[in-house]
């Protein structure tokens, strides 16, 4: 299975933010978007995730070069700047909602709410309202929602925001495990994610230059 973007262009209002962006990612591969603020990183992520309509081009989820019978967005988890959790609900209730909402994509590869909380190092506080958590804890629990319902593609926008050094290490390990299991990563960040053999797409505000990062 492969995630393919072909000749993508997108606008923000009347302005063309980028054009002619193409890439292909297969199992175990990652692409990190870098560049200054306003260069189009978040817009590109949202376009690939199906949240924005491209001005030109297309995104496809394919198998052996043929369409896989589903929209690319259905194969993706998207984690943006906001955590998409309700402050008044408990952590368990929030994660259970997302588990039910996403459903079972792949025959039981998602894990339980308790296991997901343990995976991000916060297993003892799932009874608390999400709004009681610190900014770093909230970000870690938002990441846990990627684990309760499995998707092959993770699309992450500034995923390490508000995380301390120890939490960043946990986060990197979870991404490495996802890639080792055949997952795909597309991420935008200003901070190194510590990934081996990741490709980099440097956004310049109108186009992008792709290179390998070792």
N, C-alpha and C. Protein backbone atom coordinates (compact mmCIF):
# COMPACT_ATOMS: atom_id res chain seq x y z
N UNK A 1 0.84 -1.19 0.00
CA UNK A 1 0.00 0.00 0.00
C UNK A 1 0.89 1.25 0.00
N UNK A 2 0.45 2.26 -0.74
CA UNK A 2 1.25 3.47 -0.87
C UNK A 2 0.35 4.71 -0.82
N UNK A 3 0.89 5.76 -0.19
CA UNK A 3 0.24 7.07 -0.19
C UNK A 3 0.95 7.92 -1.22
N UNK A 4 0.20 8.42 -2.20
CA UNK A 4 0.79 9.17 -3.30
C UNK A 4 0.14 10.53 -3.44
N UNK A 5 0.95 11.56 -3.51
CA UNK A 5 0.49 12.92 -3.81
C UNK A 5 1.06 13.30 -5.17
N UNK A 6 0.20 13.80 -6.04
CA UNK A 6 0.62 14.13 -7.40
C UNK A 6 0.30 15.59 -7.71
N UNK A 7 1.34 16.39 -7.93
CA UNK A 7 1.22 17.75 -8.42
C UNK A 7 0.23 18.60 -7.61
N UNK A 8 0.34 18.52 -6.30
CA UNK A 8 -0.58 19.26 -5.43
C UNK A 8 -0.27 20.76 -5.43
N UNK A 9 -1.33 21.53 -5.52
CA UNK A 9 -1.28 22.97 -5.31
C UNK A 9 -2.43 23.34 -4.40
N UNK A 10 -2.24 24.39 -3.59
CA UNK A 10 -3.30 24.79 -2.67
C UNK A 10 -3.26 26.29 -2.44
N UNK A 11 -4.42 26.85 -2.12
CA UNK A 11 -4.55 28.28 -1.84
C UNK A 11 -4.94 28.50 -0.39
N UNK A 12 -4.54 29.64 0.13
CA UNK A 12 -5.05 30.15 1.39
C UNK A 12 -5.72 31.48 1.07
N UNK A 13 -7.04 31.49 1.05
CA UNK A 13 -7.76 32.65 0.56
C UNK A 13 -7.54 32.79 -0.94
N UNK A 14 -7.05 33.94 -1.36
CA UNK A 14 -6.77 34.18 -2.78
C UNK A 14 -5.35 33.83 -3.17
N UNK A 15 -4.52 33.52 -2.18
CA UNK A 15 -3.09 33.32 -2.44
C UNK A 15 -2.76 31.86 -2.68
N UNK A 16 -1.97 31.59 -3.72
CA UNK A 16 -1.44 30.26 -3.96
C UNK A 16 -0.27 30.02 -3.01
N UNK A 17 -0.41 29.03 -2.11
CA UNK A 17 0.59 28.80 -1.07
C UNK A 17 1.74 27.93 -1.58
N UNK A 18 1.41 26.88 -2.31
CA UNK A 18 2.44 26.03 -2.91
C UNK A 18 1.86 25.42 -4.18
N UNK A 19 2.74 24.88 -5.02
CA UNK A 19 2.28 24.22 -6.23
C UNK A 19 3.22 23.08 -6.59
N UNK A 20 2.68 22.13 -7.33
CA UNK A 20 3.46 21.02 -7.91
C UNK A 20 4.23 20.21 -6.88
N UNK A 21 3.59 19.92 -5.75
CA UNK A 21 4.19 19.06 -4.73
C UNK A 21 3.80 17.61 -5.02
N UNK A 22 4.78 16.74 -5.14
CA UNK A 22 4.55 15.32 -5.40
C UNK A 22 5.44 14.48 -4.50
N UNK A 23 4.91 13.38 -4.00
CA UNK A 23 5.72 12.42 -3.25
C UNK A 23 4.95 11.11 -3.16
N UNK A 24 5.68 10.05 -2.88
CA UNK A 24 5.09 8.73 -2.66
C UNK A 24 5.73 8.11 -1.43
N UNK A 25 4.90 7.59 -0.53
CA UNK A 25 5.38 6.95 0.68
C UNK A 25 4.81 5.55 0.78
N UNK A 26 5.69 4.58 1.02
CA UNK A 26 5.27 3.21 1.20
C UNK A 26 5.41 2.78 2.65
N UNK A 27 5.16 1.51 2.91
CA UNK A 27 5.20 0.97 4.26
C UNK A 27 6.54 1.24 4.93
N UNK A 28 6.49 1.77 6.15
CA UNK A 28 7.70 2.03 6.93
C UNK A 28 8.42 3.30 6.57
N UNK A 29 7.85 4.13 5.69
CA UNK A 29 8.53 5.34 5.24
C UNK A 29 7.94 6.58 5.89
N UNK A 30 8.78 7.61 6.01
CA UNK A 30 8.36 8.86 6.65
C UNK A 30 8.85 10.05 5.86
N UNK A 31 8.06 11.12 5.91
CA UNK A 31 8.39 12.38 5.27
C UNK A 31 8.14 13.50 6.27
N UNK A 32 9.16 14.31 6.51
CA UNK A 32 9.09 15.41 7.46
C UNK A 32 9.09 16.72 6.68
N UNK A 33 8.08 17.56 6.93
CA UNK A 33 7.99 18.88 6.31
C UNK A 33 8.68 19.90 7.20
N UNK A 34 9.56 20.70 6.62
CA UNK A 34 10.23 21.76 7.35
C UNK A 34 10.04 23.07 6.58
N UNK A 35 10.43 24.18 7.20
CA UNK A 35 10.29 25.49 6.57
C UNK A 35 9.75 26.50 7.54
N UNK A 36 9.86 27.77 7.15
CA UNK A 36 9.43 28.86 8.03
C UNK A 36 7.92 28.86 8.23
N UNK A 37 7.47 29.60 9.22
CA UNK A 37 6.05 29.77 9.44
C UNK A 37 5.40 30.40 8.21
N UNK A 38 4.23 29.89 7.83
CA UNK A 38 3.54 30.43 6.67
C UNK A 38 3.99 29.86 5.34
N UNK A 39 4.88 28.88 5.37
CA UNK A 39 5.40 28.33 4.11
C UNK A 39 4.50 27.27 3.51
N UNK A 40 3.43 26.87 4.22
CA UNK A 40 2.48 25.93 3.65
C UNK A 40 2.50 24.54 4.24
N UNK A 41 3.25 24.33 5.32
CA UNK A 41 3.35 22.99 5.90
C UNK A 41 1.99 22.47 6.36
N UNK A 42 1.31 23.26 7.17
CA UNK A 42 0.01 22.83 7.70
C UNK A 42 -1.01 22.69 6.58
N UNK A 43 -0.97 23.59 5.62
CA UNK A 43 -1.90 23.51 4.49
C UNK A 43 -1.69 22.22 3.71
N UNK A 44 -0.44 21.83 3.50
CA UNK A 44 -0.16 20.59 2.79
C UNK A 44 -0.67 19.38 3.59
N UNK A 45 -0.43 19.37 4.90
CA UNK A 45 -0.92 18.26 5.72
C UNK A 45 -2.44 18.14 5.65
N UNK A 46 -3.12 19.25 5.76
CA UNK A 46 -4.58 19.23 5.73
C UNK A 46 -5.11 18.81 4.36
N UNK A 47 -4.38 19.17 3.33
CA UNK A 47 -4.78 18.75 1.98
C UNK A 47 -4.64 17.25 1.82
N UNK A 48 -3.53 16.69 2.27
CA UNK A 48 -3.32 15.24 2.19
C UNK A 48 -4.35 14.51 3.05
N UNK A 49 -4.69 15.08 4.20
CA UNK A 49 -5.66 14.44 5.11
C UNK A 49 -7.09 14.56 4.62
N UNK A 50 -7.32 15.30 3.55
CA UNK A 50 -8.67 15.45 3.01
C UNK A 50 -9.49 16.54 3.67
N UNK A 51 -8.85 17.39 4.47
CA UNK A 51 -9.57 18.46 5.16
C UNK A 51 -9.67 19.72 4.30
N UNK A 52 -8.78 19.85 3.32
CA UNK A 52 -8.82 20.96 2.36
C UNK A 52 -8.82 20.39 0.95
N UNK A 53 -9.52 21.06 0.06
CA UNK A 53 -9.54 20.64 -1.33
C UNK A 53 -8.35 21.26 -2.07
N UNK A 54 -7.56 20.45 -2.78
CA UNK A 54 -6.43 21.02 -3.51
C UNK A 54 -6.88 21.88 -4.68
N UNK A 55 -6.08 22.87 -5.00
CA UNK A 55 -6.33 23.68 -6.19
C UNK A 55 -6.09 22.84 -7.45
N UNK A 56 -5.01 22.07 -7.41
CA UNK A 56 -4.71 21.12 -8.49
C UNK A 56 -4.12 19.86 -7.87
N UNK A 57 -4.09 18.78 -8.63
CA UNK A 57 -3.46 17.54 -8.19
C UNK A 57 -4.42 16.64 -7.43
N UNK A 58 -3.86 15.55 -6.91
CA UNK A 58 -4.67 14.56 -6.22
C UNK A 58 -3.84 13.80 -5.21
N UNK A 59 -4.53 13.19 -4.24
CA UNK A 59 -3.92 12.30 -3.26
C UNK A 59 -4.60 10.95 -3.39
N UNK A 60 -3.81 9.87 -3.44
CA UNK A 60 -4.38 8.54 -3.65
C UNK A 60 -3.77 7.54 -2.69
N UNK A 61 -4.58 6.56 -2.31
CA UNK A 61 -4.15 5.41 -1.50
C UNK A 61 -4.22 4.22 -2.44
N UNK A 62 -3.06 3.65 -2.78
CA UNK A 62 -3.00 2.65 -3.83
C UNK A 62 -2.38 1.34 -3.36
N UNK A 63 -2.68 0.28 -4.07
CA UNK A 63 -2.10 -1.04 -3.85
C UNK A 63 -1.64 -1.58 -5.19
N UNK A 64 -0.34 -1.88 -5.29
CA UNK A 64 0.23 -2.38 -6.54
C UNK A 64 -0.07 -1.44 -7.70
N UNK A 65 -0.04 -0.14 -7.43
CA UNK A 65 -0.23 0.86 -8.47
C UNK A 65 -1.67 1.15 -8.83
N UNK A 66 -2.64 0.44 -8.23
CA UNK A 66 -4.05 0.66 -8.53
C UNK A 66 -4.75 1.26 -7.32
N UNK A 67 -5.84 1.99 -7.56
CA UNK A 67 -6.61 2.55 -6.46
C UNK A 67 -7.07 1.45 -5.52
N UNK A 68 -6.99 1.73 -4.21
CA UNK A 68 -7.27 0.70 -3.21
C UNK A 68 -8.74 0.62 -2.82
N UNK A 69 -9.60 1.32 -3.52
CA UNK A 69 -11.03 1.24 -3.25
C UNK A 69 -11.50 2.09 -2.09
N UNK A 70 -10.69 3.06 -1.68
CA UNK A 70 -11.06 3.95 -0.59
C UNK A 70 -10.33 5.27 -0.77
N UNK A 71 -10.89 6.33 -0.21
CA UNK A 71 -10.22 7.62 -0.25
C UNK A 71 -8.98 7.57 0.64
N UNK A 72 -7.96 8.32 0.24
CA UNK A 72 -6.73 8.35 1.03
C UNK A 72 -6.99 8.82 2.45
N UNK A 73 -7.94 9.76 2.62
CA UNK A 73 -8.24 10.29 3.95
C UNK A 73 -8.71 9.20 4.90
N UNK A 74 -9.35 8.15 4.38
CA UNK A 74 -9.85 7.08 5.24
C UNK A 74 -8.72 6.25 5.82
N UNK A 75 -7.54 6.33 5.24
CA UNK A 75 -6.38 5.57 5.75
C UNK A 75 -5.55 6.38 6.72
N UNK A 76 -5.99 7.62 7.04
CA UNK A 76 -5.16 8.56 7.80
C UNK A 76 -5.71 8.88 9.18
N UNK A 77 -4.80 9.06 10.12
CA UNK A 77 -5.04 9.77 11.36
C UNK A 77 -4.42 11.15 11.22
N UNK A 78 -5.14 12.19 11.60
CA UNK A 78 -4.61 13.55 11.56
C UNK A 78 -4.59 14.13 12.97
N UNK A 79 -3.42 14.60 13.39
CA UNK A 79 -3.27 15.29 14.68
C UNK A 79 -2.74 16.68 14.39
N UNK A 80 -3.61 17.69 14.54
CA UNK A 80 -3.22 19.06 14.26
C UNK A 80 -2.76 19.80 15.49
N UNK A 81 -2.78 21.13 15.41
CA UNK A 81 -2.34 21.95 16.53
C UNK A 81 -3.26 21.79 17.74
N UNK A 82 -4.54 21.59 17.47
CA UNK A 82 -5.49 21.39 18.55
C UNK A 82 -5.65 19.90 18.83
N UNK A 83 -5.95 19.59 20.10
CA UNK A 83 -5.96 18.19 20.51
C UNK A 83 -7.26 17.45 20.21
N UNK A 84 -8.32 18.19 19.88
CA UNK A 84 -9.61 17.59 19.53
C UNK A 84 -10.14 16.69 20.65
N UNK A 85 -10.09 17.21 21.86
CA UNK A 85 -10.63 16.53 23.03
C UNK A 85 -11.53 17.51 23.79
N UNK A 86 -12.60 17.03 24.40
CA UNK A 86 -13.49 17.88 25.17
C UNK A 86 -13.00 18.00 26.61
N UNK A 87 -12.84 19.25 27.06
CA UNK A 87 -12.24 19.50 28.37
C UNK A 87 -13.07 18.93 29.51
N UNK A 88 -14.40 18.92 29.37
CA UNK A 88 -15.25 18.50 30.48
C UNK A 88 -15.39 16.98 30.59
N UNK A 89 -15.03 16.25 29.56
CA UNK A 89 -15.08 14.79 29.60
C UNK A 89 -13.78 14.24 30.18
N UNK A 90 -13.86 13.06 30.77
CA UNK A 90 -12.64 12.43 31.27
C UNK A 90 -11.77 11.99 30.11
N UNK A 91 -10.51 11.71 30.42
CA UNK A 91 -9.60 11.19 29.41
C UNK A 91 -10.15 9.89 28.81
N UNK A 92 -10.65 9.01 29.67
CA UNK A 92 -11.20 7.73 29.19
C UNK A 92 -12.37 7.96 28.25
N UNK A 93 -13.25 8.88 28.59
CA UNK A 93 -14.41 9.16 27.75
C UNK A 93 -13.99 9.73 26.40
N UNK A 94 -13.01 10.61 26.41
CA UNK A 94 -12.51 11.17 25.15
C UNK A 94 -11.92 10.08 24.26
N UNK A 95 -11.06 9.26 24.82
CA UNK A 95 -10.41 8.22 24.02
C UNK A 95 -11.42 7.18 23.55
N UNK A 96 -12.39 6.85 24.40
CA UNK A 96 -13.42 5.89 24.00
C UNK A 96 -14.25 6.44 22.84
N UNK A 97 -14.51 7.74 22.87
CA UNK A 97 -15.25 8.36 21.76
C UNK A 97 -14.49 8.19 20.45
N UNK A 98 -13.19 8.50 20.47
CA UNK A 98 -12.41 8.40 19.23
C UNK A 98 -12.27 6.96 18.78
N UNK A 99 -12.19 6.04 19.72
CA UNK A 99 -12.11 4.62 19.34
C UNK A 99 -13.38 4.20 18.61
N UNK A 100 -14.53 4.60 19.14
CA UNK A 100 -15.80 4.27 18.50
C UNK A 100 -15.98 5.02 17.18
N UNK A 101 -15.54 6.26 17.16
CA UNK A 101 -15.71 7.09 15.97
C UNK A 101 -14.92 6.54 14.78
N UNK A 102 -13.68 6.18 15.02
CA UNK A 102 -12.84 5.68 13.93
C UNK A 102 -13.16 4.24 13.56
N UNK A 103 -13.60 3.45 14.53
CA UNK A 103 -13.92 2.07 14.25
C UNK A 103 -12.68 1.21 14.05
N UNK A 104 -12.92 -0.02 13.67
CA UNK A 104 -11.85 -1.00 13.50
C UNK A 104 -11.47 -1.08 12.04
N UNK A 105 -10.34 -0.49 11.69
CA UNK A 105 -9.89 -0.41 10.31
C UNK A 105 -9.21 -1.70 9.85
N UNK A 106 -8.60 -2.41 10.79
CA UNK A 106 -7.65 -3.44 10.37
C UNK A 106 -7.67 -4.71 11.20
N UNK A 107 -8.83 -5.16 11.60
CA UNK A 107 -8.89 -6.44 12.28
C UNK A 107 -8.29 -6.44 13.66
N UNK A 108 -8.54 -5.40 14.46
CA UNK A 108 -8.13 -5.44 15.85
C UNK A 108 -6.75 -4.94 16.16
N UNK A 109 -6.10 -4.15 15.29
CA UNK A 109 -4.77 -3.65 15.58
C UNK A 109 -4.79 -2.45 16.53
N UNK A 110 -5.95 -1.83 16.72
CA UNK A 110 -6.05 -0.79 17.73
C UNK A 110 -5.98 -1.39 19.12
N UNK A 111 -5.55 -0.59 20.10
CA UNK A 111 -5.41 -1.11 21.46
C UNK A 111 -6.47 -0.45 22.35
N UNK A 112 -6.59 -0.94 23.58
CA UNK A 112 -7.60 -0.43 24.49
C UNK A 112 -7.23 0.97 24.97
N UNK A 113 -8.23 1.65 25.54
CA UNK A 113 -8.00 2.98 26.10
C UNK A 113 -6.93 2.94 27.17
N UNK A 114 -7.01 1.97 28.06
CA UNK A 114 -6.02 1.85 29.12
C UNK A 114 -4.62 1.61 28.59
N UNK A 115 -4.50 0.74 27.59
CA UNK A 115 -3.19 0.46 27.00
C UNK A 115 -2.63 1.70 26.31
N UNK A 116 -3.49 2.44 25.64
CA UNK A 116 -3.02 3.65 24.95
C UNK A 116 -2.50 4.68 25.94
N UNK A 117 -3.23 4.85 27.06
CA UNK A 117 -2.78 5.79 28.09
C UNK A 117 -1.45 5.35 28.70
N UNK A 118 -1.30 4.06 28.94
CA UNK A 118 -0.02 3.54 29.44
C UNK A 118 1.10 3.78 28.43
N UNK A 119 0.79 3.67 27.15
CA UNK A 119 1.81 3.82 26.11
C UNK A 119 2.39 5.23 26.07
N UNK A 120 1.60 6.22 26.49
CA UNK A 120 2.11 7.59 26.52
C UNK A 120 2.53 8.00 27.94
N UNK A 121 2.59 7.02 28.84
CA UNK A 121 3.10 7.25 30.18
C UNK A 121 2.15 7.91 31.14
N UNK A 122 0.82 7.82 30.88
CA UNK A 122 -0.15 8.50 31.73
C UNK A 122 -1.31 7.58 32.11
N UNK A 123 -1.00 6.34 32.39
CA UNK A 123 -2.05 5.37 32.66
C UNK A 123 -2.84 5.62 33.92
N UNK A 124 -2.31 6.38 34.87
CA UNK A 124 -2.99 6.55 36.15
C UNK A 124 -3.95 7.72 36.24
N UNK A 125 -4.14 8.45 35.14
CA UNK A 125 -4.96 9.66 35.26
C UNK A 125 -6.12 9.68 34.26
N UNK A 126 -6.50 8.53 33.74
CA UNK A 126 -7.56 8.52 32.72
C UNK A 126 -8.93 8.88 33.29
N UNK A 127 -9.07 8.86 34.61
CA UNK A 127 -10.35 9.21 35.23
C UNK A 127 -10.55 10.71 35.32
N UNK A 128 -9.49 11.49 35.14
CA UNK A 128 -9.57 12.94 35.29
C UNK A 128 -10.20 13.59 34.07
N UNK A 129 -10.91 14.72 34.27
CA UNK A 129 -11.36 15.50 33.12
C UNK A 129 -10.16 15.94 32.29
N UNK A 130 -10.30 15.90 30.99
CA UNK A 130 -9.19 16.26 30.12
C UNK A 130 -8.71 17.68 30.40
N UNK A 131 -9.63 18.58 30.74
CA UNK A 131 -9.27 19.96 31.01
C UNK A 131 -8.41 20.15 32.25
N UNK A 132 -8.33 19.15 33.13
CA UNK A 132 -7.50 19.25 34.32
C UNK A 132 -6.02 19.00 34.02
N UNK A 133 -5.73 18.43 32.88
CA UNK A 133 -4.36 18.04 32.56
C UNK A 133 -3.52 19.25 32.15
N UNK A 134 -2.20 19.15 32.35
CA UNK A 134 -1.29 20.18 31.87
C UNK A 134 -1.25 20.14 30.34
N UNK A 135 -0.67 21.18 29.73
CA UNK A 135 -0.60 21.24 28.28
C UNK A 135 0.18 20.05 27.72
N UNK A 136 1.27 19.66 28.39
CA UNK A 136 2.04 18.52 27.93
C UNK A 136 1.28 17.21 28.06
N UNK A 137 0.56 17.04 29.17
CA UNK A 137 -0.24 15.83 29.35
C UNK A 137 -1.37 15.76 28.32
N UNK A 138 -1.97 16.89 28.03
CA UNK A 138 -3.03 16.91 27.03
C UNK A 138 -2.51 16.49 25.67
N UNK A 139 -1.31 16.96 25.34
CA UNK A 139 -0.74 16.59 24.04
C UNK A 139 -0.45 15.10 23.99
N UNK A 140 0.05 14.55 25.08
CA UNK A 140 0.34 13.12 25.11
C UNK A 140 -0.94 12.29 24.97
N UNK A 141 -2.01 12.73 25.64
CA UNK A 141 -3.28 12.01 25.54
C UNK A 141 -3.89 12.16 24.15
N UNK A 142 -3.68 13.30 23.51
CA UNK A 142 -4.14 13.45 22.14
C UNK A 142 -3.42 12.47 21.23
N UNK A 143 -2.15 12.25 21.50
CA UNK A 143 -1.41 11.26 20.72
C UNK A 143 -1.93 9.85 20.96
N UNK A 144 -2.42 9.60 22.18
CA UNK A 144 -2.94 8.27 22.50
C UNK A 144 -4.13 7.90 21.63
N UNK A 145 -4.86 8.89 21.15
CA UNK A 145 -6.03 8.58 20.31
C UNK A 145 -5.61 7.95 18.99
N UNK A 146 -4.35 8.16 18.56
CA UNK A 146 -3.86 7.50 17.35
C UNK A 146 -3.70 6.00 17.56
N UNK A 147 -3.60 5.60 18.81
CA UNK A 147 -3.31 4.20 19.14
C UNK A 147 -4.58 3.37 19.35
N UNK A 148 -5.68 4.01 19.73
CA UNK A 148 -6.88 3.23 20.08
C UNK A 148 -7.61 2.71 18.84
N UNK A 149 -7.42 3.37 17.71
CA UNK A 149 -8.02 2.91 16.45
C UNK A 149 -6.95 3.02 15.37
N UNK A 150 -6.47 1.90 14.90
CA UNK A 150 -5.30 1.89 14.02
C UNK A 150 -5.62 2.46 12.65
N UNK A 151 -4.69 3.28 12.14
CA UNK A 151 -4.69 3.74 10.76
C UNK A 151 -3.27 3.63 10.24
N UNK A 152 -3.09 3.25 8.97
CA UNK A 152 -1.73 3.08 8.46
C UNK A 152 -0.95 4.37 8.31
N UNK A 153 -1.63 5.51 8.12
CA UNK A 153 -0.95 6.78 7.88
C UNK A 153 -1.19 7.72 9.05
N UNK A 154 -0.10 8.22 9.63
CA UNK A 154 -0.19 9.26 10.66
C UNK A 154 0.25 10.57 10.04
N UNK A 155 -0.62 11.60 10.13
CA UNK A 155 -0.33 12.95 9.66
C UNK A 155 -0.30 13.85 10.89
N UNK A 156 0.87 14.37 11.22
CA UNK A 156 1.08 15.06 12.49
C UNK A 156 1.62 16.47 12.25
N UNK A 157 0.96 17.46 12.87
CA UNK A 157 1.36 18.86 12.72
C UNK A 157 1.93 19.36 14.04
N UNK A 158 3.23 19.63 14.04
CA UNK A 158 3.95 20.05 15.25
C UNK A 158 3.62 19.12 16.43
N UNK A 159 3.87 17.83 16.28
CA UNK A 159 3.42 16.86 17.30
C UNK A 159 4.10 17.00 18.65
N UNK A 160 5.30 17.58 18.69
CA UNK A 160 6.02 17.66 19.97
C UNK A 160 5.76 18.96 20.70
N UNK A 161 4.83 19.77 20.23
CA UNK A 161 4.52 21.04 20.91
C UNK A 161 4.09 20.76 22.35
N UNK A 162 4.65 21.48 23.29
CA UNK A 162 4.34 21.42 24.73
C UNK A 162 4.92 20.19 25.42
N UNK A 163 5.70 19.36 24.72
CA UNK A 163 6.24 18.16 25.34
C UNK A 163 7.62 18.42 25.93
N UNK A 164 7.90 17.78 27.08
CA UNK A 164 9.24 17.85 27.63
C UNK A 164 10.12 16.80 26.97
N UNK A 165 11.40 16.78 27.37
CA UNK A 165 12.36 15.89 26.71
C UNK A 165 11.97 14.43 26.87
N UNK A 166 11.54 14.02 28.05
CA UNK A 166 11.16 12.63 28.28
C UNK A 166 9.96 12.23 27.43
N UNK A 167 8.99 13.12 27.33
CA UNK A 167 7.80 12.84 26.52
C UNK A 167 8.16 12.76 25.04
N UNK A 168 9.09 13.60 24.59
CA UNK A 168 9.53 13.54 23.20
C UNK A 168 10.13 12.17 22.89
N UNK A 169 10.87 11.60 23.84
CA UNK A 169 11.47 10.28 23.65
C UNK A 169 10.39 9.21 23.51
N UNK A 170 9.35 9.29 24.35
CA UNK A 170 8.24 8.35 24.26
C UNK A 170 7.56 8.47 22.91
N UNK A 171 7.34 9.70 22.48
CA UNK A 171 6.69 9.99 21.21
C UNK A 171 7.49 9.39 20.05
N UNK A 172 8.81 9.60 20.06
CA UNK A 172 9.66 9.06 18.99
C UNK A 172 9.60 7.54 18.95
N UNK A 173 9.59 6.91 20.10
CA UNK A 173 9.51 5.45 20.16
C UNK A 173 8.20 4.95 19.57
N UNK A 174 7.10 5.62 19.87
CA UNK A 174 5.80 5.20 19.32
C UNK A 174 5.77 5.35 17.81
N UNK A 175 6.36 6.42 17.29
CA UNK A 175 6.42 6.59 15.84
C UNK A 175 7.28 5.51 15.21
N UNK A 176 8.42 5.22 15.82
CA UNK A 176 9.29 4.16 15.29
C UNK A 176 8.58 2.82 15.28
N UNK A 177 7.79 2.53 16.31
CA UNK A 177 7.02 1.29 16.35
C UNK A 177 5.98 1.26 15.24
N UNK A 178 5.34 2.40 15.01
CA UNK A 178 4.35 2.49 13.93
C UNK A 178 4.99 2.23 12.57
N UNK A 179 6.16 2.81 12.34
CA UNK A 179 6.85 2.60 11.07
C UNK A 179 7.33 1.15 10.94
N UNK A 180 7.83 0.58 12.04
CA UNK A 180 8.31 -0.80 12.01
C UNK A 180 7.20 -1.78 11.70
N UNK A 181 5.95 -1.41 12.05
CA UNK A 181 4.79 -2.26 11.78
C UNK A 181 4.22 -2.03 10.38
N UNK A 182 4.92 -1.25 9.56
CA UNK A 182 4.46 -1.00 8.20
C UNK A 182 3.67 0.26 8.03
N UNK A 183 3.63 1.11 9.08
CA UNK A 183 2.91 2.37 8.98
C UNK A 183 3.67 3.41 8.18
N UNK A 184 3.00 4.53 7.93
CA UNK A 184 3.55 5.65 7.16
C UNK A 184 3.39 6.91 8.00
N UNK A 185 4.38 7.81 7.93
CA UNK A 185 4.34 9.06 8.68
C UNK A 185 4.54 10.24 7.76
N UNK A 186 3.68 11.26 7.92
CA UNK A 186 3.86 12.56 7.30
C UNK A 186 3.73 13.59 8.40
N UNK A 187 4.78 14.37 8.66
CA UNK A 187 4.79 15.26 9.81
C UNK A 187 5.40 16.60 9.44
N UNK A 188 4.90 17.66 10.08
CA UNK A 188 5.48 18.99 9.98
C UNK A 188 6.04 19.37 11.33
N UNK A 189 7.26 19.89 11.37
CA UNK A 189 7.88 20.20 12.65
C UNK A 189 9.00 21.21 12.50
N UNK A 190 9.22 21.96 13.56
CA UNK A 190 10.40 22.82 13.66
C UNK A 190 11.50 22.15 14.47
N UNK A 191 11.16 21.03 15.13
CA UNK A 191 12.11 20.35 15.99
C UNK A 191 12.43 18.97 15.42
N UNK A 192 13.69 18.51 15.51
CA UNK A 192 14.03 17.17 15.03
C UNK A 192 13.20 16.11 15.76
N UNK A 193 12.76 15.12 15.00
CA UNK A 193 11.95 14.05 15.58
C UNK A 193 12.79 12.82 15.93
N UNK A 194 14.06 12.84 15.59
CA UNK A 194 14.94 11.73 15.94
C UNK A 194 14.70 10.48 15.14
N UNK A 195 14.15 10.61 13.93
CA UNK A 195 13.85 9.44 13.10
C UNK A 195 15.00 9.12 12.17
N UNK A 196 15.24 7.85 11.97
CA UNK A 196 16.27 7.39 11.05
C UNK A 196 15.69 7.27 9.63
N UNK A 197 16.50 7.67 8.65
CA UNK A 197 16.16 7.48 7.23
C UNK A 197 14.89 8.20 6.80
N UNK A 198 14.53 9.27 7.50
CA UNK A 198 13.37 10.05 7.10
C UNK A 198 13.73 10.92 5.91
N UNK A 199 12.77 11.12 5.02
CA UNK A 199 12.93 12.10 3.96
C UNK A 199 12.47 13.45 4.48
N UNK A 200 13.01 14.51 3.88
CA UNK A 200 12.61 15.86 4.26
C UNK A 200 12.09 16.60 3.04
N UNK A 201 10.98 17.29 3.20
CA UNK A 201 10.46 18.19 2.18
C UNK A 201 10.51 19.59 2.77
N UNK A 202 11.41 20.42 2.26
CA UNK A 202 11.57 21.78 2.76
C UNK A 202 10.62 22.70 2.00
N UNK A 203 9.62 23.22 2.70
CA UNK A 203 8.66 24.12 2.10
C UNK A 203 9.26 25.52 2.04
N UNK A 204 9.13 26.16 0.90
CA UNK A 204 9.75 27.47 0.69
C UNK A 204 8.73 28.59 0.58
N UNK A 205 7.46 28.30 0.75
CA UNK A 205 6.44 29.31 0.66
C UNK A 205 5.72 29.32 -0.66
N UNK A 206 6.27 28.60 -1.65
CA UNK A 206 5.57 28.48 -2.94
C UNK A 206 5.75 27.10 -3.54
N UNK A 207 6.85 26.47 -3.24
CA UNK A 207 7.11 25.12 -3.72
C UNK A 207 7.87 24.39 -2.62
N UNK A 208 8.51 23.31 -2.96
CA UNK A 208 9.27 22.58 -1.96
C UNK A 208 10.43 21.84 -2.60
N UNK A 209 11.44 21.56 -1.78
CA UNK A 209 12.60 20.81 -2.23
C UNK A 209 12.71 19.58 -1.35
N UNK A 210 12.74 18.41 -1.96
CA UNK A 210 12.78 17.17 -1.18
C UNK A 210 14.20 16.64 -1.13
N UNK A 211 14.57 16.13 0.04
CA UNK A 211 15.86 15.51 0.21
C UNK A 211 15.76 14.46 1.29
N UNK A 212 16.80 13.62 1.41
CA UNK A 212 16.84 12.61 2.45
C UNK A 212 17.55 13.16 3.68
N UNK A 213 17.07 12.80 4.83
CA UNK A 213 17.67 13.21 6.09
C UNK A 213 18.15 11.95 6.81
N UNK A 214 19.42 11.85 7.11
CA UNK A 214 19.97 10.64 7.74
C UNK A 214 20.40 10.96 9.15
